[in-house]
Structure formats: C-alpha cells, structure tokens
Protein backbone atom coordinates (compact mmCIF):
# COMPACT_ATOMS: atom_id res chain seq x y z
CA UNK A 1 -170.85 7.45 146.46
CA UNK A 2 -168.47 4.62 145.78
CA UNK A 3 -169.82 1.24 146.82
CA UNK A 4 -168.16 0.27 150.09
CA UNK A 5 -168.29 -2.00 153.13
CA UNK A 6 -167.69 -1.05 156.76
CA UNK A 7 -166.33 -3.62 159.20
CA UNK A 8 -165.04 -3.39 162.75
CA UNK A 9 -165.97 -1.49 165.92
CA UNK A 10 -167.76 1.78 165.24
CA UNK A 11 -165.51 3.64 167.68
CA UNK A 12 -162.22 2.23 166.35
CA UNK A 13 -159.76 4.33 164.31
CA UNK A 14 -160.81 4.47 160.64
CA UNK A 15 -158.76 2.61 158.05
CA UNK A 16 -159.59 2.96 154.35
CA UNK A 17 -158.48 0.13 152.04
CA UNK A 18 -158.09 0.79 148.32
CA UNK A 19 -158.24 -1.98 145.68
CA UNK A 20 -156.12 -2.53 142.59
CA UNK A 21 -157.28 -2.10 139.02
CA UNK A 22 -159.68 -4.87 138.00
CA UNK A 23 -160.44 -6.09 141.52
CA UNK A 24 -163.06 -5.26 144.13
CA UNK A 25 -163.43 -5.08 147.90
CA UNK A 26 -162.84 -8.85 147.82
CA UNK A 27 -159.10 -8.31 147.33
CA UNK A 28 -158.86 -7.38 151.03
CA UNK A 29 -161.21 -10.09 152.32
CA UNK A 30 -158.57 -12.49 153.64
CA UNK A 31 -156.79 -9.75 155.62
CA UNK A 32 -160.03 -8.26 156.93
CA UNK A 33 -160.47 -10.33 160.14
CA UNK A 34 -157.11 -9.18 161.53
CA UNK A 35 -157.58 -5.57 160.43
CA UNK A 36 -161.17 -5.19 161.61
CA UNK A 37 -160.29 -6.26 165.16
CA UNK A 38 -158.24 -3.10 165.50
CA UNK A 39 -159.82 -0.62 163.06
CA UNK A 40 -163.10 0.57 161.59
CA UNK A 41 -162.29 -0.70 158.11
CA UNK A 42 -163.78 0.83 154.96
CA UNK A 43 -163.23 -1.10 151.73
CA UNK A 44 -164.37 0.56 148.51
CA UNK A 45 -164.82 -0.37 144.85
CA UNK A 46 -163.33 1.74 142.08
CA UNK A 47 -165.79 3.19 139.52
CA UNK A 48 -167.01 0.43 137.21
CA UNK A 49 -165.74 -2.26 139.59
CA UNK A 50 -167.75 -4.36 142.02
CA UNK A 51 -170.78 -2.36 143.14
CA UNK A 52 -169.56 1.10 142.05
CA UNK A 53 -171.13 2.37 138.82
CA UNK A 54 -168.92 3.93 136.18
CA UNK A 55 -171.30 6.90 136.22
CA UNK A 56 -169.57 8.16 139.37
CA UNK A 57 -166.67 9.34 137.22
CA UNK A 58 -166.65 13.13 136.71
CA UNK A 59 -165.57 12.72 133.07
CA UNK A 60 -165.74 9.13 131.73
CA UNK A 61 -164.65 10.18 128.24
CA UNK A 62 -161.39 8.60 127.04
CA UNK A 63 -158.31 10.23 128.51
CA UNK A 64 -160.14 12.43 131.01
CA UNK A 65 -160.03 10.49 134.29
CA UNK A 66 -157.19 11.19 136.72
CA UNK A 67 -156.03 9.72 140.01
CA UNK A 68 -157.05 13.05 141.54
CA UNK A 69 -160.63 12.32 140.45
CA UNK A 70 -160.54 8.94 142.19
CA UNK A 71 -159.01 10.50 145.30
CA UNK A 72 -161.88 12.99 145.40
CA UNK A 73 -164.39 10.14 145.45
CA UNK A 74 -162.56 8.60 148.42
CA UNK A 75 -162.66 11.90 150.29
CA UNK A 76 -166.41 12.00 149.64
CA UNK A 77 -166.69 8.67 151.46
CA UNK A 78 -164.63 9.91 154.41
CA UNK A 79 -166.71 13.08 154.62
CA UNK A 80 -169.91 11.04 154.53
CA UNK A 81 -168.75 9.06 157.56
CA UNK A 82 -167.51 12.15 159.39
CA UNK A 83 -163.82 11.22 159.27
CA UNK A 84 -161.58 14.27 159.29
CA UNK A 85 -158.51 12.00 159.33
CA UNK A 86 -158.08 8.35 158.54
CA UNK A 87 -155.43 5.72 157.96
CA UNK A 88 -155.08 4.56 154.37
CA UNK A 89 -153.68 1.44 152.69
CA UNK A 90 -154.02 0.69 149.00
CA UNK A 91 -152.85 -1.85 146.44
CA UNK A 92 -151.45 -0.64 143.11
CA UNK A 93 -153.93 1.96 141.78
CA UNK A 94 -155.50 2.03 145.23
CA UNK A 95 -152.08 2.93 146.59
CA UNK A 96 -151.68 5.70 144.04
CA UNK A 97 -154.96 7.17 145.27
CA UNK A 98 -153.61 7.18 148.82
CA UNK A 99 -150.30 8.71 147.79
CA UNK A 100 -152.12 11.48 145.95
CA UNK A 101 -154.20 12.19 149.06
CA UNK A 102 -151.15 12.16 151.32
CA UNK A 103 -149.28 14.57 149.04
CA UNK A 104 -152.13 17.01 148.42
CA UNK A 105 -154.39 16.60 151.46
CA UNK A 106 -151.90 15.71 154.19
CA UNK A 107 -154.23 16.87 156.96
CA UNK A 108 -156.59 13.99 156.10
CA UNK A 109 -154.12 11.09 156.22
CA UNK A 110 -152.99 9.70 159.58
CA UNK A 111 -150.77 6.99 158.10
CA UNK A 112 -150.16 5.62 154.62
CA UNK A 113 -149.38 2.14 153.32
CA UNK A 114 -148.52 1.70 149.63
CA UNK A 115 -148.81 -1.94 148.60
CA UNK A 116 -147.32 -3.11 145.29
CA UNK A 117 -147.78 0.41 144.03
CA UNK A 118 -145.68 3.03 142.28
CA UNK A 119 -145.05 6.74 141.87
CA UNK A 120 -145.22 6.22 138.09
CA UNK A 121 -146.69 3.19 136.36
CA UNK A 122 -144.63 3.47 133.19
CA UNK A 123 -145.22 5.16 129.83
CA UNK A 124 -148.82 6.17 129.07
CA UNK A 125 -149.07 4.39 125.72
CA UNK A 126 -149.60 0.82 127.03
CA UNK A 127 -152.31 2.07 129.38
CA UNK A 128 -154.07 3.94 126.59
CA UNK A 129 -153.82 0.82 124.42
CA UNK A 130 -155.35 -1.33 127.17
CA UNK A 131 -158.10 1.24 127.69
CA UNK A 132 -158.92 1.22 123.97
CA UNK A 133 -158.98 -2.59 123.92
CA UNK A 134 -161.35 -2.77 126.88
CA UNK A 135 -163.65 -0.11 125.47
CA UNK A 136 -163.92 -2.20 122.30
CA UNK A 137 -163.89 -5.77 123.60
CA UNK A 138 -164.53 -5.55 127.34
CA UNK A 139 -162.25 -7.13 129.93
CA UNK A 140 -162.43 -10.68 128.55
CA UNK A 141 -159.09 -10.40 126.70
CA UNK A 142 -157.37 -9.64 130.02
CA UNK A 143 -158.47 -12.79 131.82
CA UNK A 144 -155.70 -14.99 130.46
CA UNK A 145 -152.86 -12.63 131.38
CA UNK A 146 -154.15 -11.31 134.72
CA UNK A 147 -153.17 -14.37 136.82
CA UNK A 148 -149.56 -14.08 135.72
CA UNK A 149 -149.45 -10.47 136.88
CA UNK A 150 -151.50 -10.81 140.03
CA UNK A 151 -150.20 -13.97 141.63
CA UNK A 152 -146.82 -15.52 142.36
CA UNK A 153 -145.79 -18.90 140.96
CA UNK A 154 -147.94 -22.00 141.70
CA UNK A 155 -145.79 -23.13 144.62
CA UNK A 156 -147.10 -20.28 146.78
CA UNK A 157 -150.25 -20.35 148.90
CA UNK A 158 -152.44 -18.67 146.31
CA UNK A 159 -152.72 -19.59 142.65
CA UNK A 160 -155.21 -18.77 139.94
CA UNK A 161 -157.15 -21.91 140.86
CA UNK A 162 -158.00 -20.98 144.45
CA UNK A 163 -161.39 -19.56 145.50
CA UNK A 164 -159.71 -16.22 146.29
CA UNK A 165 -158.20 -15.95 142.82
CA UNK A 166 -161.37 -17.17 141.08
CA UNK A 167 -163.37 -14.47 142.87
CA UNK A 168 -161.00 -11.74 141.74
CA UNK A 169 -160.95 -13.00 138.16
CA UNK A 170 -164.75 -13.04 138.20
CA UNK A 171 -164.68 -9.40 139.34
CA UNK A 172 -162.37 -8.56 136.45
CA UNK A 173 -164.69 -10.32 133.99
CA UNK A 174 -167.66 -8.36 135.36
CA UNK A 175 -165.97 -4.95 135.39
CA UNK A 176 -167.69 -2.20 133.43
CA UNK A 177 -165.52 -1.44 130.37
CA UNK A 178 -166.05 2.30 130.74
CA UNK A 179 -164.93 2.33 134.36
CA UNK A 180 -162.01 -0.02 133.84
CA UNK A 181 -160.75 1.94 130.83
CA UNK A 182 -161.08 5.22 132.72
CA UNK A 183 -158.93 3.80 135.52
CA UNK A 184 -156.34 2.85 132.88
CA UNK A 185 -156.41 6.48 131.75
CA UNK A 186 -155.82 7.55 135.35
CA UNK A 187 -152.75 5.31 135.56
CA UNK A 188 -151.48 6.60 132.22
CA UNK A 189 -151.42 10.18 133.49
CA UNK A 190 -150.12 9.46 136.98
CA UNK A 191 -146.63 10.62 137.95
CA UNK A 192 -146.01 11.56 141.57
CA UNK A 193 -142.23 11.19 141.50
CA UNK A 194 -141.55 14.90 141.87
CA UNK A 195 -144.07 15.20 144.71
CA UNK A 196 -143.12 12.31 146.97
CA UNK A 197 -141.31 14.75 149.25
CA UNK A 198 -144.70 16.31 150.05
CA UNK A 199 -145.85 13.14 151.84
CA UNK A 200 -145.37 13.64 155.56
CA UNK A 201 -147.66 10.91 156.90
CA UNK A 202 -145.86 7.88 158.36
CA UNK A 203 -145.49 5.62 155.33
CA UNK A 204 -145.06 1.88 154.89
CA UNK A 205 -144.10 0.67 151.40
CA UNK A 206 -144.81 -3.00 150.68
CA UNK A 207 -143.39 -4.59 147.55
CA UNK A 208 -143.73 -8.04 146.05
CA UNK A 209 -140.48 -9.89 145.39
CA UNK A 210 -142.16 -11.64 142.42
CA UNK A 211 -144.27 -8.71 141.27
CA UNK A 212 -143.84 -8.25 137.52
CA UNK A 213 -146.32 -5.37 137.19
CA UNK A 214 -144.61 -3.09 139.72
CA UNK A 215 -141.30 -4.83 140.47
CA UNK A 216 -139.42 -4.09 143.71
CA UNK A 217 -137.59 -1.18 142.06
CA UNK A 218 -140.91 0.71 142.19
CA UNK A 219 -141.22 0.08 145.92
CA UNK A 220 -137.65 1.19 146.50
CA UNK A 221 -138.28 4.41 144.57
CA UNK A 222 -141.30 5.17 146.73
CA UNK A 223 -139.41 4.44 149.93
CA UNK A 224 -136.45 6.56 148.83
CA UNK A 225 -138.70 9.50 147.96
CA UNK A 226 -140.84 9.52 151.13
CA UNK A 227 -138.90 10.73 154.13
CA UNK A 228 -138.94 8.35 157.09
CA UNK A 229 -140.79 5.60 155.23
CA UNK A 230 -140.25 1.90 155.84
CA UNK A 231 -139.82 -0.71 153.10
CA UNK A 232 -141.04 -4.30 153.36
CA UNK A 233 -140.75 -6.96 150.65
CA UNK A 234 -143.09 -9.95 150.70
CA UNK A 235 -142.82 -13.16 148.70
CA UNK A 236 -145.78 -12.47 146.42
CA UNK A 237 -146.90 -11.28 143.01
CA UNK A 238 -148.67 -8.00 142.27
CA UNK A 239 -151.48 -8.66 144.73
CA UNK A 240 -149.80 -8.82 148.12
CA UNK A 241 -153.23 -9.70 149.50
CA UNK A 242 -152.31 -13.27 148.58
CA UNK A 243 -150.19 -13.06 151.74
CA UNK A 244 -152.94 -11.78 154.06
CA UNK A 245 -151.33 -12.74 157.37
CA UNK A 246 -148.00 -11.11 156.56
CA UNK A 247 -149.71 -8.04 155.10
CA UNK A 248 -152.02 -7.55 158.08
CA UNK A 249 -149.14 -8.16 160.48
CA UNK A 250 -147.34 -5.21 158.89
CA UNK A 251 -150.34 -2.90 158.56
CA UNK A 252 -151.73 -3.20 162.10
CA UNK A 253 -148.70 -1.92 164.02
CA UNK A 254 -147.92 0.66 161.34
CA UNK A 255 -151.31 2.35 161.74
CA UNK A 256 -151.55 1.80 165.51
CA UNK A 257 -148.74 3.96 166.86
CA UNK A 258 -149.74 7.24 168.45
CA UNK A 259 -148.53 10.37 166.59
CA UNK A 260 -146.50 11.35 169.67
CA UNK A 261 -144.70 8.01 169.60
CA UNK A 262 -143.89 8.45 165.93
CA UNK A 263 -142.47 11.87 166.65
CA UNK A 264 -140.35 10.40 169.44
CA UNK A 265 -138.92 7.79 167.07
CA UNK A 266 -137.98 10.50 164.59
CA UNK A 267 -136.77 12.86 167.36
CA UNK A 268 -135.50 10.73 170.27
CA UNK A 269 -135.39 13.71 172.62
CA UNK A 270 -139.09 14.48 172.35
CA UNK A 271 -141.70 13.47 174.92
CA UNK A 272 -144.83 11.41 174.42
CA UNK A 273 -146.22 7.93 174.81
CA UNK A 274 -147.36 5.10 172.59
CA UNK A 275 -150.78 3.53 172.68
CA UNK A 276 -154.06 3.34 170.83
CA UNK A 277 -154.45 5.68 167.88
CA UNK A 278 -156.71 8.64 168.57
CA UNK A 279 -157.71 9.14 164.94
CA UNK A 280 -161.44 9.36 164.37
C-alpha cells in the first residue's frame, strides 16, 4: 500500500489528505493539528514520493500511469482501514485524485476539497517533457524552479528559506525519478472537464491568488463545473498549505456538516439537523 500516516481519534470521521506532485505527507503537517482534532486524518505519499515505492504503480513504463491508477491506490488504503466513505482533500495532483474518485466512485466520497488543483493541467507535451527530463537526470533540475511555483512572494509567511519549504524541497530532491515521472504522465493525460457534472459530493474549491501553476482561472472552472460547490481564494502560491490556519479553517466546517444539513441548505424546505458527521 501507499505509505501513509494516521492521526486523530480512532472513532472520528475519516479525512484523506492528498499531496501535490513532488511533495510528501509533510505538505499537510502545519494544518494537521487543527484537522486531527476533528477527524481521523490519513495522509499518504504518492508512488515514488516520501515512503511510497515507485513499484506500487501498476504500469511504471513511460506514458502508462493515469490519475485513475493513483485513485485506485487511495481506495486500497480506504478499504484497508474499513472506510466505506470518507472525506477527501487534495492539493494539485492530490486534488485531481479526489475529483476522479468523486466523479467515478461517488458512493465513497462524503465531501471533497480541491486545493490549487484543476480539471485539466494544460497540454500534455510539457508534462511529457518534464517526465523525460526526470527519467534522465532525476529531480535535481527542478529544485531551482520549484520554489517559484510552490510559494508566494517573500513577503508572505512562508518562503523557500523556511523549515517547511526546506523539508518539501528535500522531499522533491529525494523523489524516485520513476515515480515522479509517472505522476507527470498522469497529469499529462488528465482531463475531467467534461465529467465535473458527475461530482455530487459537497465540494470546496480553494485557489491561490498568486498561484502560477494553476492560476485562479482553474479554480473558477472547477467551481463552475461542480454544482453547488463553493470557491475560496487564499493569498498563496501553488501550495496553499503555506497558509495552514486559513486552509484548516475552511476544511473543518466544510467536512463537518451532516448530510441532512447539506440537503437542507440546497433544499430549504427539507427537514434535518446539523451536527457531527456520521461518516465512518
């Protein structure tokens, strides 16, 4: 299975947190204290990242890995822990995994949060080029450009020189080239734009106002395509986890409302009450 960490009360509602390309479970570390007070939080590493071996990929050959493959590995984790349904929040590629699950396995997703993510990450050629570069030279060539994509300008709370940023850059440097390149292939082939209408889980879309990798137009497209979704823009770069308090403050109430209360908000005449989520 994917390498993962569990935090929070064993009887709390399950919340799965997906990382972005090149990062590890550490990307969610700063938001974890607030989230784990309310949820049983599962953070996982993508194949070839952190503690997850690239060998978990069904087909690591160039061009073969899909977001559906990654989503299947996440479902394996949920099945292992006995979770029929779970809340899901993911950053960038981690968000794409959640969107795929919500569109194709809606019975498994209690709520969905897409953070600095997209329904389509642009033309496939740049992703295939990055995959080829990493397969040849490893991730070292990416270390100089990653901070500019990941983090907002130096006047924000997190810069490339902070311990948080240094940890993530170290994870990028240590990523297995096969796994990283395969995840690039998954992004190259990902296009959920025509299927966003299939997502029925309550959805929160979080964009970064200074995100150059998936600018706010990507967040707006997601929000426009998912019925009943809510859009939130934070002052951050591509990794909204650099704003952990604001991010957690949005995620906790989003995943905490009872299904009956959500229905009442959508249909004011319906009955039901709000309270602690009953997802297990």
